[in-house]
Amino acid sequence: MLKKYIIITSVIFSCLFGLNPSYAQSPIVDVNFKVNDIYEDEESVIIQAIVYNLGNTNINGFNDIDVVLKSMNDELIAQGTFEIDDLKAISFEPGESFFFTGAMNKTAPVTYPYKYVAESSVNWNNITELSDDIKLYINSEQIVLEQKPVIINNRMLVPISTIASNFDYEVNWNQSDKTVTLTSGPKSVKLTINSAVASVDSENVSIDTAPIILNNRTMVPISFIVDAFGADYAWGAQTKILSIYY
């Protein structure tokens, strides 16, 4: 029977994709492989991961994906090569994401924290010219924003209306104290305009980018909010793509 471990420590990520074709223009290749959860039994380690395309090129199928899991002392825990037909046939456009599960041969018990390397070659073409506009994708769908997002401290701020219309969160704005509260089931997040202190389930936490008012719209740090509610995301700094998976 598989034993499930919840990841509660920081994960070190390294992803190497061997791609060196010659192009007349310079594409940006940014494929982000993030381990989301791990299970293990006596012989295997099963990883659940989310893969994001944060570059400006369409990817038309992955070849085999090699994953190596190690302890922080570089001791081998598990490794595996994934040959999955669905991955070879996938059409993966900028901003899109998909969920991935695979089993690896186990060498040693899983220790926390850990680090991992994912290596693959992919088929890619049809370079997509991206404008300088910041782009938001939720579950692989690009979101049309009524107010252009802004980047502060390398964090994307979007209108609170974007949160309300694209997530199953209840949103309440308090004009008197300039606070916005988001709730989903028992979970709640409260932010105050121009304040670096937020509240998650009634506990104060520090945030590096405060909400602001811009063009009469409340702009909030979307990555902090979705992370507080348990969603996963990846940010492509070169292409200005934020891709969220939940």
C-alpha atoms as a PDB file:
ATOM      1  CA  MET A   1       0.000   0.000   0.000  1.00  0.00           C
ATOM      2  CA  LEU A   2       1.338   3.399  -0.956  1.00  0.00           C
ATOM      3  CA  LYS A   3       2.260   5.760   1.827  1.00  0.00           C
ATOM      4  CA  LYS A   4       1.576   9.423   1.136  1.00  0.00           C
ATOM      5  CA  TYR A   5       3.906  12.208   2.232  1.00  0.00           C
ATOM      6  CA  ILE A   6       2.893  15.850   2.292  1.00  0.00           C
ATOM      7  CA  ILE A   7       5.661  18.176   1.201  1.00  0.00           C
ATOM      8  CA  ILE A   8       6.138  20.731   3.964  1.00  0.00           C
ATOM      9  CA  THR A   9       9.650  21.929   3.216  1.00  0.00           C
ATOM     10  CA  SER A  10      11.151  23.937   0.393  1.00  0.00           C
ATOM     11  CA  VAL A  11      11.796  22.141  -2.864  1.00  0.00           C
ATOM     12  CA  ILE A  12      14.882  22.928  -4.919  1.00  0.00           C
ATOM     13  CA  PHE A  13      14.047  22.839  -8.624  1.00  0.00           C
ATOM     14  CA  SER A  14      16.326  22.302 -11.592  1.00  0.00           C
ATOM     15  CA  CYS A  15      15.057  21.622 -15.094  1.00  0.00           C
ATOM     16  CA  LEU A  16      17.321  21.079 -18.091  1.00  0.00           C
ATOM     17  CA  PHE A  17      15.888  20.744 -21.577  1.00  0.00           C
ATOM     18  CA  GLY A  18      18.381  19.980 -24.345  1.00  0.00           C
ATOM     19  CA  LEU A  19      17.176  22.275 -27.123  1.00  0.00           C
ATOM     20  CA  ASN A  20      19.635  23.879 -29.515  1.00  0.00           C
ATOM     21  CA  PRO A  21      18.082  24.215 -32.971  1.00  0.00           C
ATOM     22  CA  SER A  22      19.010  27.117 -35.232  1.00  0.00           C
ATOM     23  CA  TYR A  23      16.411  29.818 -35.772  1.00  0.00           C
ATOM     24  CA  ALA A  24      16.447  33.137 -37.588  1.00  0.00           C
ATOM     25  CA  GLN A  25      15.083  34.749 -34.441  1.00  0.00           C
ATOM     26  CA  SER A  26      15.733  33.991 -30.806  1.00  0.00           C
ATOM     27  CA  PRO A  27      12.911  32.006 -29.204  1.00  0.00           C
ATOM     28  CA  ILE A  28      12.504  31.799 -25.456  1.00  0.00           C
ATOM     29  CA  VAL A  29      12.257  28.207 -24.225  1.00  0.00           C
ATOM     30  CA  ASP A  30      11.064  28.021 -20.634  1.00  0.00           C
ATOM     31  CA  VAL A  31       9.514  24.711 -19.560  1.00  0.00           C
ATOM     32  CA  ASN A  32       8.864  24.498 -15.827  1.00  0.00           C
ATOM     33  CA  PHE A  33       8.563  21.034 -14.215  1.00  0.00           C
ATOM     34  CA  LYS A  34       7.318  21.301 -10.615  1.00  0.00           C
ATOM     35  CA  VAL A  35       6.874  18.306  -8.322  1.00  0.00           C
ATOM     36  CA  ASN A  36       3.566  18.774  -6.533  1.00  0.00           C
ATOM     37  CA  ASP A  37       3.416  15.656  -4.337  1.00  0.00           C
ATOM     38  CA  ILE A  38       5.197  12.350  -3.724  1.00  0.00           C
ATOM     39  CA  TYR A  39       4.093   8.862  -2.698  1.00  0.00           C
ATOM     40  CA  GLU A  40       6.293   5.853  -1.997  1.00  0.00           C
ATOM     41  CA  ASP A  41       6.055   2.134  -1.345  1.00  0.00           C
ATOM     42  CA  GLU A  42       8.796  -0.449  -0.825  1.00  0.00           C
ATOM     43  CA  GLU A  43       9.990  -0.409  -4.444  1.00  0.00           C
ATOM     44  CA  SER A  44       8.743   2.771  -6.112  1.00  0.00           C
ATOM     45  CA  VAL A  45       8.434   6.518  -5.758  1.00  0.00           C
ATOM     46  CA  ILE A  46       5.436   8.037  -7.523  1.00  0.00           C
ATOM     47  CA  ILE A  47       5.653  11.702  -8.384  1.00  0.00           C
ATOM     48  CA  GLN A  48       2.827  14.060  -9.243  1.00  0.00           C
ATOM     49  CA  ALA A  49       4.015  17.113 -11.119  1.00  0.00           C
ATOM     50  CA  ILE A  50       2.715  20.103 -13.040  1.00  0.00           C
ATOM     51  CA  VAL A  51       4.464  21.122 -16.258  1.00  0.00           C
ATOM     52  CA  TYR A  52       4.195  24.716 -17.509  1.00  0.00           C
ATOM     53  CA  ASN A  53       5.148  26.262 -20.854  1.00  0.00           C
ATOM     54  CA  LEU A  54       6.383  29.735 -19.926  1.00  0.00           C
ATOM     55  CA  GLY A  55       8.250  30.369 -23.176  1.00  0.00           C
ATOM     56  CA  ASN A  56       7.179  31.870 -26.497  1.00  0.00           C
ATOM     57  CA  THR A  57       7.298  28.668 -28.562  1.00  0.00           C
ATOM     58  CA  ASN A  58       4.731  25.988 -29.239  1.00  0.00           C
ATOM     59  CA  ILE A  59       5.903  22.534 -28.135  1.00  0.00           C
ATOM     60  CA  ASN A  60       4.612  19.644 -30.218  1.00  0.00           C
ATOM     61  CA  GLY A  61       5.289  16.615 -28.082  1.00  0.00           C
ATOM     62  CA  PHE A  62       7.766  15.608 -25.389  1.00  0.00           C
ATOM     63  CA  ASN A  63      10.183  12.761 -25.877  1.00  0.00           C
ATOM     64  CA  ASP A  64      11.128  10.603 -22.885  1.00  0.00           C
ATOM     65  CA  ILE A  65      11.323  12.514 -19.598  1.00  0.00           C
ATOM     66  CA  ASP A  66      14.129  11.517 -17.221  1.00  0.00           C
ATOM     67  CA  VAL A  67      13.661  12.472 -13.567  1.00  0.00           C
ATOM     68  CA  VAL A  68      16.256  12.063 -10.810  1.00  0.00           C
ATOM     69  CA  LEU A  69      15.312  12.592  -7.155  1.00  0.00           C
ATOM     70  CA  LYS A  70      18.111  13.185  -4.628  1.00  0.00           C
ATOM     71  CA  SER A  71      18.564  14.148  -1.001  1.00  0.00           C
ATOM     72  CA  MET A  72      20.096  17.506  -0.107  1.00  0.00           C
ATOM     73  CA  ASN A  73      23.372  15.580   0.352  1.00  0.00           C
ATOM     74  CA  ASP A  74      23.183  14.343  -3.259  1.00  0.00           C
ATOM     75  CA  GLU A  75      22.301  10.796  -2.255  1.00  0.00           C
ATOM     76  CA  LEU A  76      20.185   9.105  -4.916  1.00  0.00           C
ATOM     77  CA  ILE A  77      16.590   8.437  -3.813  1.00  0.00           C
ATOM     78  CA  ALA A  78      14.917   7.446  -7.080  1.00  0.00           C
ATOM     79  CA  GLN A  79      15.171   7.827 -10.821  1.00  0.00           C
ATOM     80  CA  GLY A  80      13.000   6.977 -13.785  1.00  0.00           C
ATOM     81  CA  THR A  81      12.436   7.454 -17.498  1.00  0.00           C
ATOM     82  CA  PHE A  82       8.870   8.148 -18.545  1.00  0.00           C
ATOM     83  CA  GLU A  83       7.792   6.967 -21.994  1.00  0.00           C
ATOM     84  CA  ILE A  84       4.207   8.129 -22.257  1.00  0.00           C
ATOM     85  CA  ASP A  85       2.442   8.287 -25.624  1.00  0.00           C
ATOM     86  CA  ASP A  86       0.149  11.081 -24.438  1.00  0.00           C
ATOM     87  CA  LEU A  87       3.180  13.305 -23.753  1.00  0.00           C
ATOM     88  CA  LYS A  88       4.662  12.606 -27.178  1.00  0.00           C
ATOM     89  CA  ALA A  89       1.448  13.737 -28.844  1.00  0.00           C
ATOM     90  CA  ILE A  90       0.747  16.759 -26.682  1.00  0.00           C
ATOM     91  CA  SER A  91       0.437  20.211 -28.249  1.00  0.00           C
ATOM     92  CA  PHE A  92       1.733  22.620 -25.654  1.00  0.00           C
ATOM     93  CA  GLU A  93       1.262  26.331 -26.322  1.00  0.00           C
ATOM     94  CA  PRO A  94       2.714  29.273 -24.368  1.00  0.00           C
ATOM     95  CA  GLY A  95       1.001  29.671 -20.995  1.00  0.00           C
ATOM     96  CA  GLU A  96      -0.496  26.177 -20.952  1.00  0.00           C
ATOM     97  CA  SER A  97      -0.005  23.615 -18.172  1.00  0.00           C
ATOM     98  CA  PHE A  98      -0.749  19.957 -17.565  1.00  0.00           C
ATOM     99  CA  PHE A  99      -0.720  17.484 -14.669  1.00  0.00           C
ATOM    100  CA  PHE A 100       1.746  14.589 -14.835  1.00  0.00           C
ATOM    101  CA  THR A 101       2.063  11.372 -12.778  1.00  0.00           C
ATOM    102  CA  GLY A 102       4.802   8.753 -13.044  1.00  0.00           C
ATOM    103  CA  ALA A 103       6.578   6.005 -11.054  1.00  0.00           C
ATOM    104  CA  MET A 104      10.343   5.793 -10.496  1.00  0.00           C
ATOM    105  CA  ASN A 105      12.592   2.987  -9.281  1.00  0.00           C
ATOM    106  CA  LYS A 106      13.356   3.572  -5.619  1.00  0.00           C
ATOM    107  CA  THR A 107      16.934   3.401  -4.315  1.00  0.00           C
ATOM    108  CA  ALA A 108      16.488   4.865  -0.811  1.00  0.00           C
ATOM    109  CA  PRO A 109      13.657   6.190   1.393  1.00  0.00           C
ATOM    110  CA  VAL A 110      12.432   9.690   0.605  1.00  0.00           C
ATOM    111  CA  THR A 111      13.959  12.357   2.843  1.00  0.00           C
ATOM    112  CA  TYR A 112      12.838  15.967   3.239  1.00  0.00           C
ATOM    113  CA  PRO A 113      13.779  18.399   1.906  1.00  0.00           C
ATOM    114  CA  TYR A 114      14.879  16.941  -1.429  1.00  0.00           C
ATOM    115  CA  LYS A 115      15.886  18.166  -4.862  1.00  0.00           C
ATOM    116  CA  TYR A 116      15.212  16.900  -8.343  1.00  0.00           C
ATOM    117  CA  VAL A 117      16.291  17.304 -11.952  1.00  0.00           C
ATOM    118  CA  ALA A 118      14.014  16.754 -14.957  1.00  0.00           C
ATOM    119  CA  GLU A 119      15.601  16.342 -18.371  1.00  0.00           C
ATOM    120  CA  SER A 120      13.917  15.938 -21.738  1.00  0.00           C
ATOM    121  CA  SER A 121      14.091  16.851 -25.384  1.00  0.00           C
ATOM    122  CA  VAL A 122      10.961  18.167 -27.047  1.00  0.00           C
ATOM    123  CA  ASN A 123       9.707  18.863 -30.525  1.00  0.00           C
ATOM    124  CA  TRP A 124       9.071  22.565 -30.941  1.00  0.00           C
ATOM    125  CA  ASN A 125       8.253  24.955 -33.768  1.00  0.00           C
ATOM    126  CA  ASN A 126       5.800  27.707 -34.736  1.00  0.00           C
ATOM    127  CA  ILE A 127       7.462  30.459 -32.733  1.00  0.00           C
ATOM    128  CA  THR A 128       4.757  32.644 -31.228  1.00  0.00           C
ATOM    129  CA  GLU A 129       5.546  36.349 -31.172  1.00  0.00           C
ATOM    130  CA  LEU A 130       4.545  37.652 -27.778  1.00  0.00           C
ATOM    131  CA  SER A 131       3.941  41.331 -27.144  1.00  0.00           C
ATOM    132  CA  ASP A 132       5.299  43.090 -24.094  1.00  0.00           C
ATOM    133  CA  ASP A 133       1.883  42.759 -22.481  1.00  0.00           C
ATOM    134  CA  ILE A 134       1.698  40.665 -19.326  1.00  0.00           C
ATOM    135  CA  LYS A 135      -0.325  37.497 -19.853  1.00  0.00           C
ATOM    136  CA  LEU A 136      -2.358  35.439 -17.393  1.00  0.00           C
ATOM    137  CA  TYR A 137      -3.383  31.817 -18.002  1.00  0.00           C
ATOM    138  CA  ILE A 138      -5.676  29.809 -15.718  1.00  0.00           C
ATOM    139  CA  ASN A 139      -5.830  26.068 -16.399  1.00  0.00           C
ATOM    140  CA  SER A 140      -4.279  26.691 -19.853  1.00  0.00           C
ATOM    141  CA  GLU A 141      -6.861  29.341 -20.833  1.00  0.00           C
ATOM    142  CA  GLN A 142      -5.671  32.879 -21.457  1.00  0.00           C
ATOM    143  CA  ILE A 143      -7.666  35.397 -19.429  1.00  0.00           C
ATOM    144  CA  VAL A 144      -8.745  38.672 -21.011  1.00  0.00           C
ATOM    145  CA  LEU A 145      -8.147  41.395 -18.434  1.00  0.00           C
ATOM    146  CA  GLU A 146     -10.140  44.621 -18.229  1.00  0.00           C
ATOM    147  CA  GLN A 147      -7.190  46.390 -16.615  1.00  0.00           C
ATOM    148  CA  LYS A 148      -3.612  45.699 -17.667  1.00  0.00           C
ATOM    149  CA  PRO A 149      -1.719  43.915 -14.847  1.00  0.00           C
ATOM    150  CA  VAL A 150       1.317  45.548 -13.276  1.00  0.00           C
ATOM    151  CA  ILE A 151       4.522  44.025 -11.958  1.00  0.00           C
ATOM    152  CA  ILE A 152       5.839  45.229  -8.590  1.00  0.00           C
ATOM    153  CA  ASN A 153       8.714  43.436  -6.837  1.00  0.00           C
ATOM    154  CA  ASN A 154       8.469  40.775  -9.571  1.00  0.00           C
ATOM    155  CA  ARG A 155       4.864  40.073  -8.497  1.00  0.00           C
ATOM    156  CA  MET A 156       1.848  40.369 -10.790  1.00  0.00           C
ATOM    157  CA  LEU A 157      -1.026  42.498  -9.536  1.00  0.00           C
ATOM    158  CA  VAL A 158      -4.411  42.044 -11.228  1.00  0.00           C
ATOM    159  CA  PRO A 159      -7.850  43.613 -10.691  1.00  0.00           C
ATOM    160  CA  ILE A 160      -9.818  41.967  -7.900  1.00  0.00           C
ATOM    161  CA  SER A 161     -12.602  41.520 -10.464  1.00  0.00           C
ATOM    162  CA  THR A 162     -10.325  39.027 -12.260  1.00  0.00           C
ATOM    163  CA  ILE A 163     -10.176  36.949  -9.090  1.00  0.00           C
ATOM    164  CA  ALA A 164     -13.922  37.147  -8.586  1.00  0.00           C
ATOM    165  CA  SER A 165     -14.805  36.101 -12.132  1.00  0.00           C
ATOM    166  CA  ASN A 166     -12.271  33.273 -12.581  1.00  0.00           C
ATOM    167  CA  PHE A 167     -12.066  31.546  -9.196  1.00  0.00           C
ATOM    168  CA  ASP A 168     -14.648  30.094  -6.869  1.00  0.00           C
ATOM    169  CA  TYR A 169     -13.914  32.699  -4.214  1.00  0.00           C
ATOM    170  CA  GLU A 170     -16.376  35.060  -2.582  1.00  0.00           C
ATOM    171  CA  VAL A 171     -14.963  38.593  -2.698  1.00  0.00           C
ATOM    172  CA  ASN A 172     -15.969  41.398  -0.317  1.00  0.00           C
ATOM    173  CA  TRP A 173     -14.690  44.976  -0.426  1.00  0.00           C
ATOM    174  CA  ASN A 174     -14.824  47.223   2.658  1.00  0.00           C
ATOM    175  CA  GLN A 175     -14.595  50.850   1.600  1.00  0.00           C
ATOM    176  CA  SER A 176     -14.182  52.252   5.101  1.00  0.00           C
ATOM    177  CA  ASP A 177     -10.962  50.441   5.972  1.00  0.00           C
ATOM    178  CA  LYS A 178      -9.849  49.717   2.380  1.00  0.00           C
ATOM    179  CA  THR A 179      -9.757  45.939   2.821  1.00  0.00           C
ATOM    180  CA  VAL A 180     -10.687  43.096   0.510  1.00  0.00           C
ATOM    181  CA  THR A 181     -11.617  39.668   1.878  1.00  0.00           C
ATOM    182  CA  LEU A 182     -11.703  36.477  -0.187  1.00  0.00           C
ATOM    183  CA  THR A 183     -13.299  33.294   1.118  1.00  0.00           C
ATOM    184  CA  SER A 184     -13.683  29.762  -0.197  1.00  0.00           C
ATOM    185  CA  GLY A 185     -15.195  27.267   2.218  1.00  0.00           C
ATOM    186  CA  PRO A 186     -13.391  27.592   5.566  1.00  0.00           C
ATOM    187  CA  LYS A 187     -10.394  29.399   4.006  1.00  0.00           C
ATOM    188  CA  SER A 188     -10.187  33.203   4.062  1.00  0.00           C
ATOM    189  CA  VAL A 189      -7.636  35.786   2.937  1.00  0.00           C
ATOM    190  CA  LYS A 190      -7.807  39.468   3.856  1.00  0.00           C
ATOM    191  CA  LEU A 191      -5.671  42.203   2.308  1.00  0.00           C
ATOM    192  CA  THR A 192      -5.441  45.920   3.015  1.00  0.00           C
ATOM    193  CA  ILE A 193      -4.595  48.543   0.420  1.00  0.00           C
ATOM    194  CA  ASN A 194      -0.952  49.692   0.681  1.00  0.00           C
ATOM    195  CA  SER A 195      -0.274  47.298   3.568  1.00  0.00           C
ATOM    196  CA  ALA A 196       2.452  44.629   3.585  1.00  0.00           C
ATOM    197  CA  VAL A 197       0.515  42.637   6.201  1.00  0.00           C
ATOM    198  CA  ALA A 198      -2.231  40.242   5.108  1.00  0.00           C
ATOM    199  CA  SER A 199      -4.402  37.816   7.056  1.00  0.00           C
ATOM    200  CA  VAL A 200      -4.784  34.130   6.191  1.00  0.00           C
ATOM    201  CA  ASP A 201      -7.405  32.356   8.295  1.00  0.00           C
ATOM    202  CA  SER A 202      -7.223  35.233  10.808  1.00  0.00           C
ATOM    203  CA  GLU A 203      -3.436  34.921  11.197  1.00  0.00           C
ATOM    204  CA  ASN A 204      -1.252  37.846  10.097  1.00  0.00           C
ATOM    205  CA  VAL A 205       1.411  37.158   7.475  1.00  0.00           C
ATOM    206  CA  SER A 206       3.878  39.446   5.714  1.00  0.00           C
ATOM    207  CA  ILE A 207       3.658  39.936   1.958  1.00  0.00           C
ATOM    208  CA  ASP A 208       6.343  41.505  -0.224  1.00  0.00           C
ATOM    209  CA  THR A 209       3.892  43.361  -2.471  1.00  0.00           C
ATOM    210  CA  ALA A 210       0.929  45.282  -1.077  1.00  0.00           C
ATOM    211  CA  PRO A 211      -2.394  45.730  -2.897  1.00  0.00           C
ATOM    212  CA  ILE A 212      -2.872  49.115  -4.554  1.00  0.00           C
ATOM    213  CA  ILE A 213      -5.548  51.267  -6.164  1.00  0.00           C
ATOM    214  CA  LEU A 214      -4.824  51.925  -9.858  1.00  0.00           C
ATOM    215  CA  ASN A 215      -7.215  53.738 -12.198  1.00  0.00           C
ATOM    216  CA  ASN A 216      -9.940  53.312  -9.558  1.00  0.00           C
ATOM    217  CA  ARG A 217      -9.440  49.543  -9.540  1.00  0.00           C
ATOM    218  CA  THR A 218      -8.253  47.386  -6.655  1.00  0.00           C
ATOM    219  CA  MET A 219      -5.104  45.535  -7.761  1.00  0.00           C
ATOM    220  CA  VAL A 220      -4.020  42.503  -5.725  1.00  0.00           C
ATOM    221  CA  PRO A 221      -1.013  40.117  -5.844  1.00  0.00           C
ATOM    222  CA  ILE A 222      -2.563  37.105  -7.550  1.00  0.00           C
ATOM    223  CA  SER A 223       0.232  34.616  -6.799  1.00  0.00           C
ATOM    224  CA  PHE A 224      -0.092  35.205  -3.038  1.00  0.00           C
ATOM    225  CA  ILE A 225      -3.856  34.699  -3.198  1.00  0.00           C
ATOM    226  CA  VAL A 226      -3.882  31.510  -5.267  1.00  0.00           C
ATOM    227  CA  ASP A 227      -1.028  30.085  -3.186  1.00  0.00           C
ATOM    228  CA  ALA A 228      -2.973  30.765   0.013  1.00  0.00           C
ATOM    229  CA  PHE A 229      -5.918  28.843  -1.434  1.00  0.00           C
ATOM    230  CA  GLY A 230      -3.732  25.891  -2.463  1.00  0.00           C
ATOM    231  CA  ALA A 231      -3.404  26.421  -6.225  1.00  0.00           C
ATOM    232  CA  ASP A 232      -0.101  26.023  -8.100  1.00  0.00           C
ATOM    233  CA  TYR A 233       1.481  28.571 -10.413  1.00  0.00           C
ATOM    234  CA  ALA A 234       4.632  29.393 -12.367  1.00  0.00           C
ATOM    235  CA  TRP A 235       5.984  32.755 -13.562  1.00  0.00           C
ATOM    236  CA  GLY A 236       7.984  33.289 -16.766  1.00  0.00           C
ATOM    237  CA  ALA A 237       9.988  36.462 -16.152  1.00  0.00           C
ATOM    238  CA  GLN A 238      11.245  36.730 -19.742  1.00  0.00           C
ATOM    239  CA  THR A 239       7.873  36.275 -21.418  1.00  0.00           C
ATOM    240  CA  LYS A 240       5.784  37.871 -18.642  1.00  0.00           C
ATOM    241  CA  ILE A 241       3.503  34.841 -18.439  1.00  0.00           C
ATOM    242  CA  LEU A 242       1.821  33.775 -15.208  1.00  0.00           C
ATOM    243  CA  SER A 243       0.281  30.309 -15.540  1.00  0.00           C
ATOM    244  CA  ILE A 244      -1.986  28.984 -12.767  1.00  0.00           C
ATOM    245  CA  TYR A 245      -3.103  25.368 -12.305  1.00  0.00           C
ATOM    246  CA  TYR A 246      -5.850  24.422  -9.877  1.00  0.00           C
END
